[in-house]
Amino acid sequence: MTQPTLRDKLTAIAYRTGLVSLVTSLGLVLIHRLDEQTPCPTYLWSKVAAVIIGVGFLANVATFRKRGILMAISLVVVTSITAPTSTTNSLAKNESKALATMETIRRAEDALFTSAHRRGSIPDLVANGLLPRCVADTAWGYWYEARVQEEGFTITASPATTDSGRWIFYKGPDGITRYSPDADLAPAGLANAPVR
């Protein structure tokens, strides 16, 4: 019985590294998908998945075997799952999440009014544990503001950058979410119109 060569040992280690990185990365991709459902996604696990699968890919390429090709295919699959398909889809997704966040803010305002008989700003709602901390900064590429008025409150959602959203939304005391009254910050012909 021949002893395994150093190359055989390295090949076996690389193979195991590749399998572990692939399985781990697929698990992290699932966590990425769950992270997307939270109001304050970090996408940290997507970055970890990319590093782990990259290490496995390099380990397998180093063996000059077909396993490297399999890891390259896996890398493409994981990247396609975690990356947005297009800028337009990404913007639409951010806008949809911004609208949902505005509704979350409205419910937080109602909860504060029920418990303390007053309305509050975003930092006030966060301080009272009614909103996640990230909403006071930026969530889903949007900035949020809640202005207290005599007749209630107005919630505004504005893109943090031109790459994170196209439109400004606001929700007035009537509870209806509308596009910005500024025609440049709303879809053509929908300035101040309700969002459907």
Protein backbone atom coordinates (compact mmCIF):
# COMPACT_ATOMS: atom_id res chain seq x y z
CA MET A 1 0.00 0.00 0.00
CA THR A 2 1.48 3.32 -1.11
CA GLN A 3 1.62 6.30 1.18
CA PRO A 4 -0.40 9.34 0.07
CA THR A 5 1.76 12.08 -1.36
CA LEU A 6 1.75 15.64 -0.12
CA ARG A 7 -0.26 16.59 -3.19
CA ASP A 8 -2.88 13.93 -2.34
CA LYS A 9 -3.14 15.26 1.22
CA LEU A 10 -3.50 18.84 0.01
CA THR A 11 -6.13 17.75 -2.51
CA ALA A 12 -8.15 16.03 0.23
CA ILE A 13 -7.92 19.11 2.49
CA ALA A 14 -8.94 21.41 -0.36
CA TYR A 15 -11.86 19.14 -1.23
CA ARG A 16 -13.13 19.19 2.36
CA THR A 17 -12.61 22.96 2.54
CA GLY A 18 -14.63 23.39 -0.64
CA LEU A 19 -17.50 21.22 0.59
CA VAL A 20 -17.63 22.94 3.97
CA SER A 21 -17.53 26.39 2.35
CA LEU A 22 -20.32 25.46 -0.08
CA VAL A 23 -22.63 24.08 2.61
CA THR A 24 -21.87 26.98 4.97
CA SER A 25 -22.44 29.55 2.23
CA LEU A 26 -25.80 28.07 1.29
CA GLY A 27 -26.82 28.35 4.93
CA LEU A 28 -25.64 31.95 5.02
CA VAL A 29 -27.62 32.71 1.85
CA LEU A 30 -30.73 31.50 3.67
CA ILE A 31 -29.87 33.82 6.57
CA HIS A 32 -29.42 36.64 4.01
CA ARG A 33 -32.97 36.03 2.78
CA LEU A 34 -34.28 36.12 6.34
CA ASP A 35 -32.27 39.30 6.97
CA GLU A 36 -34.08 40.95 4.06
CA GLN A 37 -37.37 40.53 5.93
CA THR A 38 -36.20 42.66 8.86
CA PRO A 39 -36.70 46.44 8.97
CA CYS A 40 -32.95 46.99 9.28
CA PRO A 41 -31.10 44.51 7.07
CA THR A 42 -27.32 44.43 7.47
CA TYR A 43 -26.42 41.97 4.68
CA LEU A 44 -23.44 41.01 6.85
CA TRP A 45 -24.07 37.32 6.23
CA SER A 46 -24.00 37.81 2.46
CA LYS A 47 -20.49 39.22 2.80
CA VAL A 48 -19.47 36.33 5.07
CA ALA A 49 -20.91 33.86 2.54
CA ALA A 50 -18.90 35.47 -0.26
CA VAL A 51 -15.66 35.21 1.74
CA ILE A 52 -16.24 31.59 2.75
CA ILE A 53 -17.16 30.38 -0.70
CA GLY A 54 -14.23 32.36 -2.12
CA VAL A 55 -11.84 30.53 0.21
CA GLY A 56 -13.32 27.20 -0.84
CA PHE A 57 -13.09 28.18 -4.49
CA LEU A 58 -9.41 29.13 -4.19
CA ALA A 59 -8.64 25.96 -2.23
CA ASN A 60 -10.18 23.82 -4.96
CA VAL A 61 -8.59 25.72 -7.82
CA ALA A 62 -5.24 25.12 -6.14
CA THR A 63 -5.71 21.36 -6.64
CA PHE A 64 -6.09 21.73 -10.42
CA ARG A 65 -9.06 19.36 -10.32
CA LYS A 66 -12.63 19.61 -11.60
CA ARG A 67 -13.72 20.55 -8.10
CA GLY A 68 -12.53 24.09 -8.76
CA ILE A 69 -14.94 24.32 -11.68
CA LEU A 70 -17.76 23.05 -9.47
CA MET A 71 -16.93 25.68 -6.86
CA ALA A 72 -16.89 28.37 -9.56
CA ILE A 73 -20.40 27.31 -10.58
CA SER A 74 -21.46 27.41 -6.92
CA LEU A 75 -19.99 30.89 -6.56
CA VAL A 76 -22.00 32.12 -9.55
CA VAL A 77 -25.20 30.58 -8.13
CA VAL A 78 -24.74 32.10 -4.67
CA THR A 79 -23.87 35.50 -6.17
CA SER A 80 -26.96 35.44 -8.39
CA ILE A 81 -29.14 34.63 -5.37
CA THR A 82 -27.77 37.40 -3.15
CA ALA A 83 -27.26 40.19 -5.69
CA PRO A 84 -30.16 42.36 -6.87
CA THR A 85 -31.19 41.57 -10.44
CA SER A 86 -31.19 45.19 -11.61
CA THR A 87 -31.09 48.76 -10.37
CA THR A 88 -34.77 49.23 -11.22
CA ASN A 89 -35.75 46.16 -9.20
CA SER A 90 -33.59 47.34 -6.31
CA LEU A 91 -35.20 50.80 -6.34
CA ALA A 92 -38.71 49.34 -6.52
CA LYS A 93 -37.89 47.01 -3.63
CA ASN A 94 -36.54 49.89 -1.52
CA GLU A 95 -39.64 51.95 -2.30
CA SER A 96 -41.95 49.09 -1.36
CA LYS A 97 -40.06 48.56 1.91
CA ALA A 98 -40.15 52.33 2.59
CA LEU A 99 -43.94 52.30 2.26
CA ALA A 100 -44.14 49.37 4.68
CA THR A 101 -41.80 51.20 7.10
CA MET A 102 -44.07 54.27 6.96
CA GLU A 103 -46.98 52.06 8.00
CA THR A 104 -44.85 50.70 10.85
CA ILE A 105 -44.17 54.29 11.94
CA ARG A 106 -47.90 55.09 11.79
CA ARG A 107 -48.65 52.12 14.06
CA ALA A 108 -45.89 53.26 16.45
CA GLU A 109 -47.45 56.73 16.56
CA ASP A 110 -50.84 55.20 17.37
CA ALA A 111 -49.28 53.05 20.11
CA LEU A 112 -47.57 56.09 21.68
CA PHE A 113 -50.80 58.07 21.53
CA THR A 114 -52.71 55.22 23.18
CA SER A 115 -50.19 54.83 26.01
CA ALA A 116 -49.03 58.43 26.57
CA HIS A 117 -51.72 60.55 24.84
CA ARG A 118 -49.19 62.28 22.64
CA ARG A 119 -47.41 61.97 19.30
CA GLY A 120 -43.65 61.77 18.83
CA SER A 121 -40.74 62.19 16.46
CA ILE A 122 -38.84 59.19 15.06
CA PRO A 123 -36.13 59.43 17.79
CA ASP A 124 -38.91 59.64 20.40
CA LEU A 125 -40.59 56.51 19.01
CA VAL A 126 -37.23 54.69 19.00
CA ALA A 127 -36.49 55.80 22.58
CA ASN A 128 -39.87 54.39 23.67
CA GLY A 129 -39.06 51.04 22.07
CA LEU A 130 -41.75 51.39 19.39
CA LEU A 131 -39.39 51.43 16.39
CA PRO A 132 -36.05 49.74 15.60
CA ARG A 133 -33.06 52.05 16.00
CA CYS A 134 -32.13 52.02 12.30
CA VAL A 135 -35.34 53.87 11.36
CA ALA A 136 -33.90 56.94 13.14
CA ASP A 137 -31.00 56.81 10.69
CA THR A 138 -31.86 55.11 7.40
CA ALA A 139 -33.70 51.92 6.51
CA TRP A 140 -34.10 50.41 3.03
CA GLY A 141 -32.26 53.38 1.52
CA TYR A 142 -34.73 55.96 2.87
CA TRP A 143 -34.70 58.67 5.53
CA TYR A 144 -37.85 58.97 7.65
CA GLU A 145 -39.33 61.92 9.49
CA ALA A 146 -42.43 62.22 11.65
CA ARG A 147 -43.66 65.78 12.22
CA VAL A 148 -46.13 66.34 15.02
CA GLN A 149 -49.00 68.69 14.15
CA GLU A 150 -52.10 69.88 15.98
CA GLU A 151 -54.32 67.63 13.91
CA GLY A 152 -52.01 64.62 14.12
CA PHE A 153 -48.72 63.89 12.39
CA THR A 154 -47.12 63.66 8.96
CA ILE A 155 -44.64 60.95 8.05
CA THR A 156 -42.21 61.56 5.19
CA ALA A 157 -39.91 59.05 3.48
CA SER A 158 -37.13 60.47 1.29
CA PRO A 159 -34.40 58.54 -0.59
CA ALA A 160 -31.09 58.69 1.26
CA THR A 161 -29.29 58.86 -2.13
CA THR A 162 -30.32 58.99 -5.77
CA ASP A 163 -29.26 55.34 -6.02
CA SER A 164 -31.56 54.16 -3.22
CA GLY A 165 -34.94 55.47 -4.35
CA ARG A 166 -36.75 57.53 -6.95
CA TRP A 167 -39.72 59.09 -5.16
CA ILE A 168 -40.60 60.91 -1.94
CA PHE A 169 -43.67 59.67 -0.06
CA TYR A 170 -45.69 61.20 2.74
CA LYS A 171 -48.56 60.11 4.94
CA GLY A 172 -50.72 62.88 6.35
CA PRO A 173 -53.27 63.01 9.19
CA ASP A 174 -55.83 61.33 6.89
CA GLY A 175 -53.64 58.19 6.92
CA ILE A 176 -53.32 58.06 3.12
CA THR A 177 -49.83 57.59 1.69
CA ARG A 178 -49.19 59.91 -1.23
CA TYR A 179 -46.41 60.77 -3.63
CA SER A 180 -44.63 64.08 -3.10
CA PRO A 181 -46.54 67.18 -4.22
CA ASP A 182 -43.36 68.15 -6.11
CA ALA A 183 -43.75 66.82 -9.67
CA ASP A 184 -39.99 66.19 -9.92
CA LEU A 185 -40.13 63.84 -6.92
CA ALA A 186 -43.12 61.76 -8.03
CA PRO A 187 -43.94 59.60 -11.07
CA ALA A 188 -45.21 61.55 -14.10
CA GLY A 189 -48.73 62.81 -13.47
CA LEU A 190 -48.91 61.42 -9.92
CA ALA A 191 -47.70 64.38 -7.81
CA ASN A 192 -49.69 64.40 -4.54
CA ALA A 193 -51.66 61.35 -5.73
CA PRO A 194 -52.31 58.39 -3.40
CA VAL A 195 -49.84 55.52 -3.79
CA ARG A 196 -51.61 52.42 -5.09
